[in-house]
Amino acid sequence: MKFVSPEHKLHILRKEGCGKVHEAALKIIAEIGVVVGSKRVIKRLLDVGAKDKGNGLICISPEIIEKSLQTVPSQFKLFSVNGQEAMDINKKSMYFGVSTSSLGYIDPYTGKKIAHTSETSANMARVADGLGNIDYVGNGGLLADVDPRIGGRMNVSNTLRYTTMPMYFCPDYAESYVDVIKLAQDIVGGEKNLREKPFLFGYCEPVPPLHLSGDSLDKLIICGEAGVPVVYMPYSMRGGTAPITLASALAQNFAEILAGLTIHQLFCPGAPFIPGSMPTIMDMRTTIGSYGAPEFCFGINLSSEICDFYNLPFFGTAGSTDSQHMDMQSASEVTMSILSTLLSGADIVHDTGVMEHASALSPELLVYTDEILDMLKIFQEEVDLSEEAFMFDVIKEIGPRGNYLQHESTLLNFKQIWYSKIFERRLSGESKANIFAEKIRAKTINIIENHYNLEINPKILPILLEHEKKWAKLIEK
């Protein structure tokens, strides 16, 4: 059973509040403007009536933005590498996946943080592929054992050796996006096939406050022109890179999103665009942007609600923690973020398995997240209110002060209850301390050492090698 967006979504802002954030965002873009770091994008904006305030600062009218909101699709599909439908982005379904672009890796064998390498990236891909509630992978972080000039590309190729799930990619600079998309096109048999059945989607960000870098805009356009869906997500810290109040941070984030969406649709009308928004707090004691703060979860929930207001898919965040360890803090923050995200109905959720405010990937945390997701599927079930489900005859048969332990109805139905293979329910004294963490670690290591995706098409392997050799020549110059 996959997750569906609940009818009982959290509605905090409601239509009126979302409208106020929208109007504030439009005012920011029209009167203050955004810095646009691309000459060709500036030219296109000026051609449709935007105003140049000098030094790359461009003001975009609400009318231009509203036209772009009319061309951007609210629905699209993502496929497996082998071409099977895998994710129907339709404002009803919810999907959970892994992060990208972390420098560290929490080794399940030692519990220590080590550099993220091709080997640990393969581990993350294997674990994600082997878990039933994880729907897509990321390209696995930044690799320490590959020349950084081609490391992002190589990581995408490396990940494709271990999974057929959809992938979101964020290799590094815009040139890498061209190469990754060319690799994907060769795998599926050409540009047309990838456009019809994309198995990957790109990711890029503005630079808060109100700076749309040229590289980020190039990424938007590269993905759009290839028919590859793309995420555009401001990550802002209230009191640091965004104003301190939640309302103002939301308005700034959505000003950046709407500006990016407008540019994307001007160049590629009708191409799939996925807004994301992470208005977290800047922890003044540590200067980090928190991934575990309640304000972080709350701001993401409100952002999801605003995307519902636009009828656009939302790139949510859950399953992450500020903790450096698999401990009570990480369990609390991960569980809170997943539950709140499920209530928000976010369409595509990323950053599962991320520790230390996104600086390290943890396969153990990913396994824990999968277990929490499995547990919370209970809240997705419909309640059977049929006459048979009330079991009046059984209650009458057993009567007051009886028990149902040996009744046939119990025997036939007790396996419908959720039973964890990790959580302990034994009587006191029968289990030792920390057995939960040990089970998580054992399951993680078992997947790393024994899981293989038999659906990986061996025909893609020479294609991967061909592109890797081509990329290697880039650093010989």
Protein backbone atom coordinates (compact mmCIF):
# COMPACT_ATOMS: atom_id res chain seq x y z
CA MET A 1 0.00 0.00 0.00
CA LYS A 2 1.36 3.38 -1.01
CA PHE A 3 0.64 6.57 0.88
CA VAL A 4 -2.20 8.80 -0.21
CA SER A 5 -2.75 12.42 0.68
CA PRO A 6 -5.25 12.47 3.56
CA GLU A 7 -8.66 14.08 3.31
CA HIS A 8 -8.01 15.37 6.83
CA LYS A 9 -4.94 17.42 5.83
CA LEU A 10 -3.64 20.05 8.19
CA HIS A 11 -5.15 23.37 7.16
CA ILE A 12 -3.41 26.11 9.11
CA LEU A 13 -3.33 29.03 6.66
CA ARG A 14 -6.48 28.05 4.75
CA LYS A 15 -7.32 29.79 1.49
CA GLU A 16 -7.28 33.28 2.97
CA GLY A 17 -3.85 32.86 4.57
CA CYS A 18 -2.35 31.29 1.44
CA GLY A 19 -3.72 34.22 -0.55
CA LYS A 20 -1.99 36.68 1.79
CA VAL A 21 1.37 34.89 1.37
CA HIS A 22 0.83 34.91 -2.40
CA GLU A 23 0.10 38.64 -2.47
CA ALA A 24 3.15 39.38 -0.30
CA ALA A 25 5.34 37.28 -2.61
CA LEU A 26 4.01 39.09 -5.68
CA LYS A 27 4.71 42.44 -4.03
CA ILE A 28 8.29 41.42 -3.28
CA ILE A 29 8.91 40.39 -6.89
CA ALA A 30 7.17 43.45 -8.39
CA GLU A 31 8.55 46.16 -6.11
CA ILE A 32 11.83 44.85 -4.68
CA GLY A 33 12.73 42.40 -7.45
CA VAL A 34 15.10 39.46 -7.69
CA VAL A 35 18.70 39.31 -8.85
CA VAL A 36 18.84 37.29 -12.06
CA GLY A 37 22.29 35.90 -12.81
CA SER A 38 21.78 35.10 -16.50
CA LYS A 39 21.85 37.57 -19.37
CA ARG A 40 19.70 35.42 -21.65
CA VAL A 41 17.10 35.06 -18.91
CA ILE A 42 17.11 38.80 -18.26
CA LYS A 43 16.55 39.42 -21.96
CA ARG A 44 13.59 37.03 -22.06
CA LEU A 45 12.06 38.65 -18.96
CA LEU A 46 12.46 42.13 -20.40
CA ASP A 47 10.89 40.96 -23.66
CA VAL A 48 7.68 40.06 -21.80
CA GLY A 49 7.54 43.31 -19.82
CA ALA A 50 9.70 42.87 -16.72
CA LYS A 51 11.57 45.94 -15.45
CA ASP A 52 15.35 46.24 -15.15
CA LYS A 53 16.47 48.12 -12.02
CA GLY A 54 20.16 47.68 -12.86
CA ASN A 55 22.91 45.32 -11.68
CA GLY A 56 20.82 42.29 -12.56
CA LEU A 57 17.89 43.30 -10.32
CA ILE A 58 14.67 42.51 -12.18
CA CYS A 59 11.09 43.31 -11.17
CA ILE A 60 8.41 40.99 -12.55
CA SER A 61 4.77 42.03 -12.63
CA PRO A 62 1.97 39.84 -11.21
CA GLU A 63 0.49 39.55 -14.71
CA ILE A 64 3.61 37.82 -16.05
CA ILE A 65 3.66 35.43 -13.10
CA GLU A 66 -0.04 34.59 -13.41
CA LYS A 67 0.45 33.63 -17.07
CA SER A 68 3.16 31.17 -16.06
CA LEU A 69 0.96 29.68 -13.36
CA GLN A 70 -1.55 28.88 -16.11
CA THR A 71 0.92 26.84 -18.20
CA VAL A 72 2.66 24.80 -15.48
CA PRO A 73 1.18 21.30 -15.05
CA SER A 74 -0.12 20.05 -11.71
CA GLN A 75 0.30 16.38 -12.66
CA PHE A 76 2.93 14.18 -14.30
CA LYS A 77 4.42 10.72 -13.94
CA LEU A 78 7.83 9.28 -13.17
CA PHE A 79 8.98 5.84 -14.25
CA SER A 80 11.49 3.21 -13.28
CA VAL A 81 14.72 2.93 -15.25
CA ASN A 82 13.08 -0.02 -17.02
CA GLY A 83 10.06 2.04 -18.07
CA GLN A 84 7.40 0.91 -15.58
CA GLU A 85 5.19 3.58 -14.03
CA ALA A 86 6.54 4.23 -10.55
CA MET A 87 5.25 7.60 -9.29
CA ASP A 88 1.99 9.27 -10.29
CA ILE A 89 2.33 12.88 -9.17
CA ASN A 90 -1.33 13.81 -9.02
CA LYS A 91 -1.95 15.79 -5.77
CA LYS A 92 -3.29 12.57 -4.23
CA SER A 93 -0.33 10.20 -3.89
CA MET A 94 2.68 10.67 -1.60
CA TYR A 95 6.19 9.34 -2.23
CA PHE A 96 9.27 9.17 0.00
CA GLY A 97 12.90 9.17 -1.09
CA VAL A 98 16.53 9.70 -0.19
CA SER A 99 18.64 12.85 -0.15
CA THR A 100 21.64 13.93 -2.18
CA SER A 101 24.72 16.10 -1.74
CA SER A 102 26.00 15.21 1.73
CA LEU A 103 29.73 15.06 2.41
CA GLY A 104 29.60 12.50 5.20
CA TYR A 105 28.30 8.98 5.81
CA ILE A 106 27.50 7.32 9.12
CA ASP A 107 29.04 3.87 8.84
CA PRO A 108 26.70 1.19 10.26
CA TYR A 109 29.66 -1.11 10.95
CA THR A 110 31.46 1.34 13.25
CA GLY A 111 28.87 4.01 14.05
CA LYS A 112 31.41 6.64 13.05
CA LYS A 113 31.18 9.40 10.47
CA ILE A 114 33.41 8.84 7.46
CA ALA A 115 33.85 10.47 4.08
CA HIS A 116 31.18 9.68 1.50
CA THR A 117 32.61 7.60 -1.34
CA SER A 118 31.51 5.51 -4.30
CA GLU A 119 31.26 2.51 -1.96
CA THR A 120 29.09 4.26 0.61
CA SER A 121 26.97 5.73 -2.18
CA ALA A 122 26.38 2.17 -3.41
CA ASN A 123 25.39 1.21 0.13
CA MET A 124 22.77 3.97 0.27
CA ALA A 125 21.37 2.92 -3.10
CA ARG A 126 21.17 -0.73 -2.05
CA VAL A 127 19.44 0.08 1.23
CA ALA A 128 16.92 2.41 -0.41
CA ASP A 129 16.23 -0.21 -3.09
CA GLY A 130 15.70 -2.88 -0.45
CA LEU A 131 13.12 -1.00 1.65
CA GLY A 132 9.43 -1.27 0.91
CA ASN A 133 8.39 2.28 1.78
CA ILE A 134 11.12 4.17 -0.10
CA ASP A 135 9.99 5.12 -3.60
CA TYR A 136 12.96 6.88 -5.20
CA VAL A 137 16.67 7.45 -4.71
CA GLY A 138 18.93 10.46 -4.82
CA ASN A 139 22.23 10.40 -6.63
CA GLY A 140 23.85 9.79 -3.29
CA GLY A 141 25.86 12.76 -2.04
CA LEU A 142 29.25 14.28 -2.87
CA LEU A 143 32.04 11.73 -3.35
CA ALA A 144 35.45 12.06 -1.73
CA ASP A 145 37.16 9.44 -3.92
CA VAL A 146 36.37 10.95 -7.33
CA ASP A 147 37.77 14.09 -8.93
CA PRO A 148 35.25 16.82 -8.05
CA ARG A 149 35.14 17.98 -11.67
CA ILE A 150 33.29 14.80 -12.62
CA GLY A 151 32.24 13.48 -9.22
CA GLY A 152 28.60 14.45 -9.57
CA ARG A 153 28.22 12.72 -12.92
CA MET A 154 30.03 9.61 -11.69
CA ASN A 155 27.78 9.38 -8.67
CA VAL A 156 24.65 9.30 -10.83
CA SER A 157 26.17 6.54 -12.95
CA ASN A 158 27.29 4.63 -9.87
CA THR A 159 23.82 4.73 -8.32
CA LEU A 160 22.24 3.32 -11.49
CA ARG A 161 24.21 0.09 -10.96
CA TYR A 162 22.22 -0.73 -7.82
CA THR A 163 18.63 0.32 -8.37
CA THR A 164 15.92 0.75 -10.98
CA MET A 165 13.90 3.23 -8.91
CA PRO A 166 13.30 6.81 -10.10
CA MET A 167 16.15 9.13 -9.18
CA TYR A 168 16.43 12.77 -8.37
CA PHE A 169 19.80 14.20 -9.25
CA CYS A 170 21.85 17.18 -8.20
CA PRO A 171 25.37 16.47 -9.49
CA ASP A 172 26.94 19.96 -9.25
CA TYR A 173 27.04 22.51 -12.08
CA ALA A 174 24.76 22.97 -15.07
CA GLU A 175 27.16 21.29 -17.50
CA SER A 176 26.79 18.10 -15.49
CA TYR A 177 23.01 18.23 -15.91
CA VAL A 178 23.49 18.14 -19.68
CA ASP A 179 25.70 15.05 -19.37
CA VAL A 180 23.41 13.27 -16.90
CA ILE A 181 20.39 13.83 -19.12
CA LYS A 182 22.35 12.59 -22.15
CA LEU A 183 23.24 9.45 -20.19
CA ALA A 184 19.56 8.94 -19.28
CA GLN A 185 18.54 9.42 -22.92
CA ASP A 186 21.01 6.79 -24.06
CA ILE A 187 19.77 4.34 -21.42
CA VAL A 188 16.13 4.59 -22.54
CA GLY A 189 16.82 4.84 -26.27
CA GLY A 190 16.69 8.53 -27.06
CA GLU A 191 15.39 11.98 -26.20
CA LYS A 192 11.79 11.19 -27.14
CA ASN A 193 11.65 8.12 -24.89
CA LEU A 194 13.01 10.02 -21.89
CA ARG A 195 10.55 12.85 -22.46
CA GLU A 196 7.67 10.34 -22.54
CA LYS A 197 8.88 8.25 -19.60
CA PRO A 198 11.31 10.23 -17.43
CA PHE A 199 12.97 8.14 -14.74
CA LEU A 200 14.82 11.03 -13.17
CA PHE A 201 14.13 14.57 -12.07
CA GLY A 202 16.51 17.42 -11.42
CA TYR A 203 17.05 19.63 -8.40
CA CYS A 204 18.25 23.21 -8.02
CA GLU A 205 17.90 26.16 -5.66
CA PRO A 206 17.90 29.94 -5.61
CA VAL A 207 20.26 31.64 -3.18
CA PRO A 208 18.24 33.41 -0.48
CA PRO A 209 17.60 36.22 -0.17
CA LEU A 210 16.21 36.85 -3.68
CA HIS A 211 19.16 35.76 -5.81
CA LEU A 212 18.50 33.47 -8.78
CA SER A 213 21.99 32.39 -9.82
CA GLY A 214 22.76 31.86 -13.48
CA ASP A 215 23.87 28.28 -12.88
CA SER A 216 20.63 27.43 -11.10
CA LEU A 217 18.54 28.98 -13.86
CA ASP A 218 20.53 27.08 -16.48
CA LYS A 219 19.65 23.86 -14.62
CA LEU A 220 15.95 24.78 -14.70
CA ILE A 221 16.05 25.37 -18.43
CA ILE A 222 18.19 22.32 -19.25
CA CYS A 223 15.71 20.05 -17.46
CA GLY A 224 12.70 21.82 -18.94
CA GLU A 225 13.95 21.59 -22.51
CA ALA A 226 14.56 17.85 -22.08
CA GLY A 227 11.10 17.28 -20.59
CA VAL A 228 12.68 16.22 -17.29
CA PRO A 229 10.79 17.40 -14.18
CA VAL A 230 12.76 19.73 -11.94
CA VAL A 231 12.60 20.87 -8.32
CA TYR A 232 13.20 24.51 -7.43
CA MET A 233 13.52 24.89 -3.68
CA PRO A 234 14.71 27.78 -1.52
CA TYR A 235 16.34 26.72 1.73
CA SER A 236 16.30 29.74 4.03
CA MET A 237 17.19 30.32 7.68
CA ARG A 238 14.94 32.70 9.59
CA GLY A 239 17.14 35.40 11.07
CA GLY A 240 19.99 34.51 8.69
CA THR A 241 19.05 34.29 5.03
CA ALA A 242 15.36 35.07 5.58
CA PRO A 243 13.50 37.50 7.84
CA ILE A 244 12.87 36.25 11.36
CA THR A 245 9.07 35.93 11.22
CA LEU A 246 7.49 32.88 9.61
CA ALA A 247 5.13 34.92 7.42
CA SER A 248 7.97 36.96 5.93
CA ALA A 249 10.15 33.87 5.38
CA LEU A 250 7.29 32.15 3.55
CA ALA A 251 6.69 35.23 1.42
CA GLN A 252 10.38 35.48 0.49
CA ASN A 253 10.61 31.76 -0.31
CA PHE A 254 7.55 31.88 -2.55
CA ALA A 255 8.76 35.04 -4.24
CA GLU A 256 11.86 33.08 -5.26
CA ILE A 257 9.75 30.05 -6.26
CA LEU A 258 7.34 32.11 -8.38
CA ALA A 259 10.21 33.93 -10.09
CA GLY A 260 11.89 30.60 -10.88
CA LEU A 261 8.61 29.09 -12.09
CA THR A 262 8.01 32.08 -14.36
CA ILE A 263 11.45 31.78 -15.96
CA HIS A 264 11.08 28.01 -16.33
CA GLN A 265 7.72 28.37 -18.06
CA LEU A 266 8.87 31.25 -20.28
CA PHE A 267 11.56 28.99 -21.73
CA CYS A 268 9.70 25.68 -21.48
CA PRO A 269 5.92 26.22 -21.27
CA GLY A 270 4.12 23.15 -19.96
CA ALA A 271 7.26 21.49 -18.58
CA PRO A 272 6.88 19.86 -15.13
CA PHE A 273 8.00 22.12 -12.27
CA ILE A 274 8.11 21.02 -8.61
CA PRO A 275 8.21 23.78 -5.97
CA GLY A 276 9.95 23.06 -2.70
CA SER A 277 10.35 25.26 0.35
CA MET A 278 12.39 24.87 3.54
CA PRO A 279 12.00 27.93 5.77
CA THR A 280 13.87 26.72 8.83
CA ILE A 281 15.38 28.62 11.76
CA MET A 282 18.96 29.64 12.28
CA ASP A 283 19.99 28.23 15.65
CA MET A 284 21.78 31.21 17.21
CA ARG A 285 23.66 28.95 19.66
CA THR A 286 25.29 26.88 16.91
CA THR A 287 24.64 28.93 13.70
CA ILE A 288 23.27 25.84 11.93
CA GLY A 289 20.10 25.73 9.90
CA SER A 290 18.11 23.15 11.83
CA TYR A 291 16.63 20.04 10.22
CA GLY A 292 15.02 18.88 13.46
CA ALA A 293 13.39 22.02 14.86
CA PRO A 294 9.60 22.05 15.22
CA GLU A 295 9.62 25.34 13.30
CA PHE A 296 11.28 23.49 10.41
CA CYS A 297 8.45 20.94 10.23
CA PHE A 298 5.80 23.63 10.66
CA GLY A 299 7.23 25.84 7.91
CA ILE A 300 7.34 22.90 5.51
CA ASN A 301 3.72 22.02 6.33
CA LEU A 302 2.63 25.57 5.57
CA SER A 303 4.62 25.52 2.33
CA SER A 304 2.83 22.34 1.31
CA GLU A 305 -0.50 24.02 1.98
CA ILE A 306 0.49 26.99 -0.19
CA CYS A 307 1.38 24.62 -3.05
CA ASP A 308 -2.10 23.10 -2.69
CA PHE A 309 -3.39 26.66 -3.11
CA TYR A 310 -1.51 26.81 -6.45
CA ASN A 311 -2.54 23.21 -7.32
CA LEU A 312 1.12 22.34 -7.77
CA PRO A 313 3.09 19.34 -6.47
CA PHE A 314 5.23 20.04 -3.41
CA PHE A 315 8.73 18.75 -2.69
CA GLY A 316 8.54 18.07 1.04
CA THR A 317 11.13 17.09 3.62
CA ALA A 318 10.99 14.45 6.37
CA GLY A 319 13.02 11.68 7.96
CA SER A 320 15.97 13.91 8.88
CA THR A 321 17.59 14.97 12.12
CA ASP A 322 20.17 17.32 13.60
CA SER A 323 21.53 14.52 15.78
CA GLN A 324 24.90 12.94 15.08
CA HIS A 325 23.79 9.52 16.34
CA MET A 326 21.00 6.97 16.20
CA ASP A 327 19.55 8.06 19.53
CA MET A 328 16.40 9.39 21.19
CA GLN A 329 16.86 12.79 19.52
CA SER A 330 17.08 11.35 16.02
CA ALA A 331 14.11 9.04 16.65
CA SER A 332 12.00 11.91 17.99
CA GLU A 333 12.85 14.35 15.20
CA VAL A 334 12.41 11.79 12.42
CA THR A 335 9.09 10.54 13.75
CA MET A 336 7.74 14.06 14.24
CA SER A 337 8.77 15.14 10.75
CA ILE A 338 7.24 12.09 9.06
CA LEU A 339 3.94 12.34 10.92
CA SER A 340 3.61 16.07 10.26
CA THR A 341 4.49 15.58 6.59
CA LEU A 342 1.91 12.82 6.20
CA LEU A 343 -0.68 15.20 7.62
CA SER A 344 0.40 17.90 5.18
CA GLY A 345 -0.05 15.68 2.11
CA ALA A 346 3.28 16.66 0.51
CA ASP A 347 3.61 14.99 -2.88
CA ILE A 348 7.30 14.05 -3.09
CA VAL A 349 9.22 13.89 0.19
CA HIS A 350 13.01 13.90 0.34
CA ASP A 351 15.87 13.86 2.87
CA THR A 352 14.97 10.57 4.53
CA GLY A 353 18.09 9.16 6.17
CA VAL A 354 19.85 12.52 6.66
CA MET A 355 21.73 13.34 9.88
CA GLU A 356 23.70 16.28 11.28
CA HIS A 357 21.53 18.93 9.59
CA ALA A 358 22.08 17.34 6.16
CA SER A 359 25.85 16.94 6.41
CA ALA A 360 25.78 13.13 6.59
CA LEU A 361 23.78 10.27 5.11
CA SER A 362 22.87 7.33 7.33
CA PRO A 363 21.60 4.00 5.98
CA GLU A 364 20.56 3.07 9.51
CA LEU A 365 18.40 6.17 9.80
CA LEU A 366 16.91 5.30 6.42
CA VAL A 367 15.97 1.84 7.75
CA TYR A 368 14.45 3.45 10.84
CA THR A 369 12.48 5.88 8.66
CA ASP A 370 11.14 2.96 6.62
CA GLU A 371 9.94 1.29 9.82
CA ILE A 372 8.14 4.45 10.98
CA LEU A 373 6.52 4.82 7.57
CA ASP A 374 5.39 1.21 7.77
CA MET A 375 3.91 1.85 11.20
CA LEU A 376 2.06 4.96 10.05
CA LYS A 377 0.37 3.09 7.21
CA ILE A 378 -2.20 2.14 9.85
CA PHE A 379 -3.41 5.74 9.70
CA GLN A 380 -4.01 5.32 5.96
CA GLU A 381 -6.48 2.49 6.37
CA GLU A 382 -10.20 2.97 5.94
CA VAL A 383 -12.31 1.86 8.88
CA ASP A 384 -14.68 -0.97 7.97
CA LEU A 385 -18.08 0.07 9.34
CA SER A 386 -20.09 -2.70 7.75
CA GLU A 387 -22.55 -4.69 9.81
CA GLU A 388 -20.17 -7.67 9.79
CA ALA A 389 -17.30 -5.55 11.09
CA PHE A 390 -19.21 -4.67 14.27
CA MET A 391 -19.32 -8.43 15.06
CA PHE A 392 -22.47 -8.18 17.17
CA ASP A 393 -23.02 -11.96 17.05
CA VAL A 394 -19.49 -12.62 18.29
CA ILE A 395 -19.86 -10.15 21.14
CA LYS A 396 -23.19 -11.78 22.03
CA GLU A 397 -21.62 -15.26 21.87
CA ILE A 398 -18.71 -14.38 24.15
CA GLY A 399 -20.79 -12.24 26.47
CA PRO A 400 -19.70 -10.22 29.52
CA ARG A 401 -16.48 -11.29 31.27
CA GLY A 402 -15.50 -13.68 28.45
CA ASN A 403 -12.49 -13.44 26.13
CA TYR A 404 -11.90 -13.66 22.41
CA LEU A 405 -8.50 -15.35 22.44
CA GLN A 406 -9.72 -18.75 21.23
CA HIS A 407 -12.56 -17.51 19.05
CA GLU A 408 -12.41 -18.34 15.35
CA SER A 409 -12.70 -14.65 14.38
CA THR A 410 -9.45 -13.93 16.21
CA LEU A 411 -7.69 -16.88 14.59
CA LEU A 412 -8.74 -15.76 11.12
CA ASN A 413 -7.86 -12.07 11.53
CA PHE A 414 -5.04 -11.58 14.05
CA LYS A 415 -2.37 -11.36 11.34
CA GLN A 416 -3.97 -8.16 10.06
CA ILE A 417 -2.39 -6.41 13.05
CA TRP A 418 0.91 -4.61 12.38
CA TYR A 419 3.85 -6.54 13.80
CA SER A 420 7.28 -4.96 13.74
CA LYS A 421 10.43 -6.99 13.24
CA ILE A 422 12.38 -4.30 15.07
CA PHE A 423 10.26 -2.81 17.85
CA GLU A 424 10.16 -4.88 21.05
CA ARG A 425 6.95 -5.83 22.90
CA ARG A 426 8.32 -8.53 25.17
CA LEU A 427 7.57 -8.65 28.87
CA SER A 428 9.91 -6.79 31.21
CA GLY A 429 13.30 -8.42 31.66
CA GLU A 430 13.28 -10.47 28.46
CA SER A 431 15.13 -7.98 26.25
CA LYS A 432 18.37 -6.13 26.80
CA ALA A 433 18.98 -2.42 26.50
CA ASN A 434 19.74 -0.99 23.05
CA ILE A 435 18.34 -4.06 21.29
CA PHE A 436 16.32 -1.73 19.03
CA ALA A 437 19.44 0.01 17.73
CA GLU A 438 21.13 -3.36 17.28
CA LYS A 439 18.23 -4.65 15.18
CA ILE A 440 18.29 -1.52 13.02
CA ARG A 441 22.03 -1.94 12.48
CA ALA A 442 21.71 -5.66 11.71
CA LYS A 443 18.95 -5.07 9.16
CA THR A 444 20.95 -2.30 7.52
CA ILE A 445 24.09 -4.43 7.20
CA ASN A 446 22.08 -7.37 5.92
CA ILE A 447 20.64 -5.24 3.09
CA ILE A 448 24.06 -3.80 2.22
CA GLU A 449 25.65 -7.24 2.03
CA ASN A 450 22.84 -9.28 0.51
CA HIS A 451 20.39 -7.13 -1.45
CA TYR A 452 20.67 -7.14 -5.22
CA ASN A 453 18.12 -5.77 -7.65
CA LEU A 454 17.62 -8.51 -10.23
CA GLU A 455 15.65 -6.16 -12.50
CA ILE A 456 18.68 -4.07 -13.41
CA ASN A 457 19.13 -4.43 -17.14
CA PRO A 458 22.71 -5.55 -17.88
CA LYS A 459 22.51 -3.70 -21.19
CA ILE A 460 22.83 -0.37 -19.37
CA LEU A 461 26.24 -1.27 -17.89
CA PRO A 462 28.28 -0.66 -21.09
CA ILE A 463 26.35 2.60 -21.55
CA LEU A 464 27.42 3.69 -18.07
CA LEU A 465 31.03 2.76 -18.79
CA GLU A 466 31.01 4.61 -22.11
CA HIS A 467 29.85 7.83 -20.48
CA GLU A 468 32.25 7.44 -17.56
CA LYS A 469 35.19 7.15 -19.96
CA LYS A 470 33.98 10.25 -21.78
CA TRP A 471 33.74 12.17 -18.51
CA ALA A 472 37.20 10.99 -17.44
CA LYS A 473 38.67 12.68 -20.53
CA LEU A 474 37.35 16.01 -19.23
CA ILE A 475 39.93 15.99 -16.44
CA GLU A 476 42.81 14.97 -18.70
CA LYS A 477 42.85 18.38 -20.35
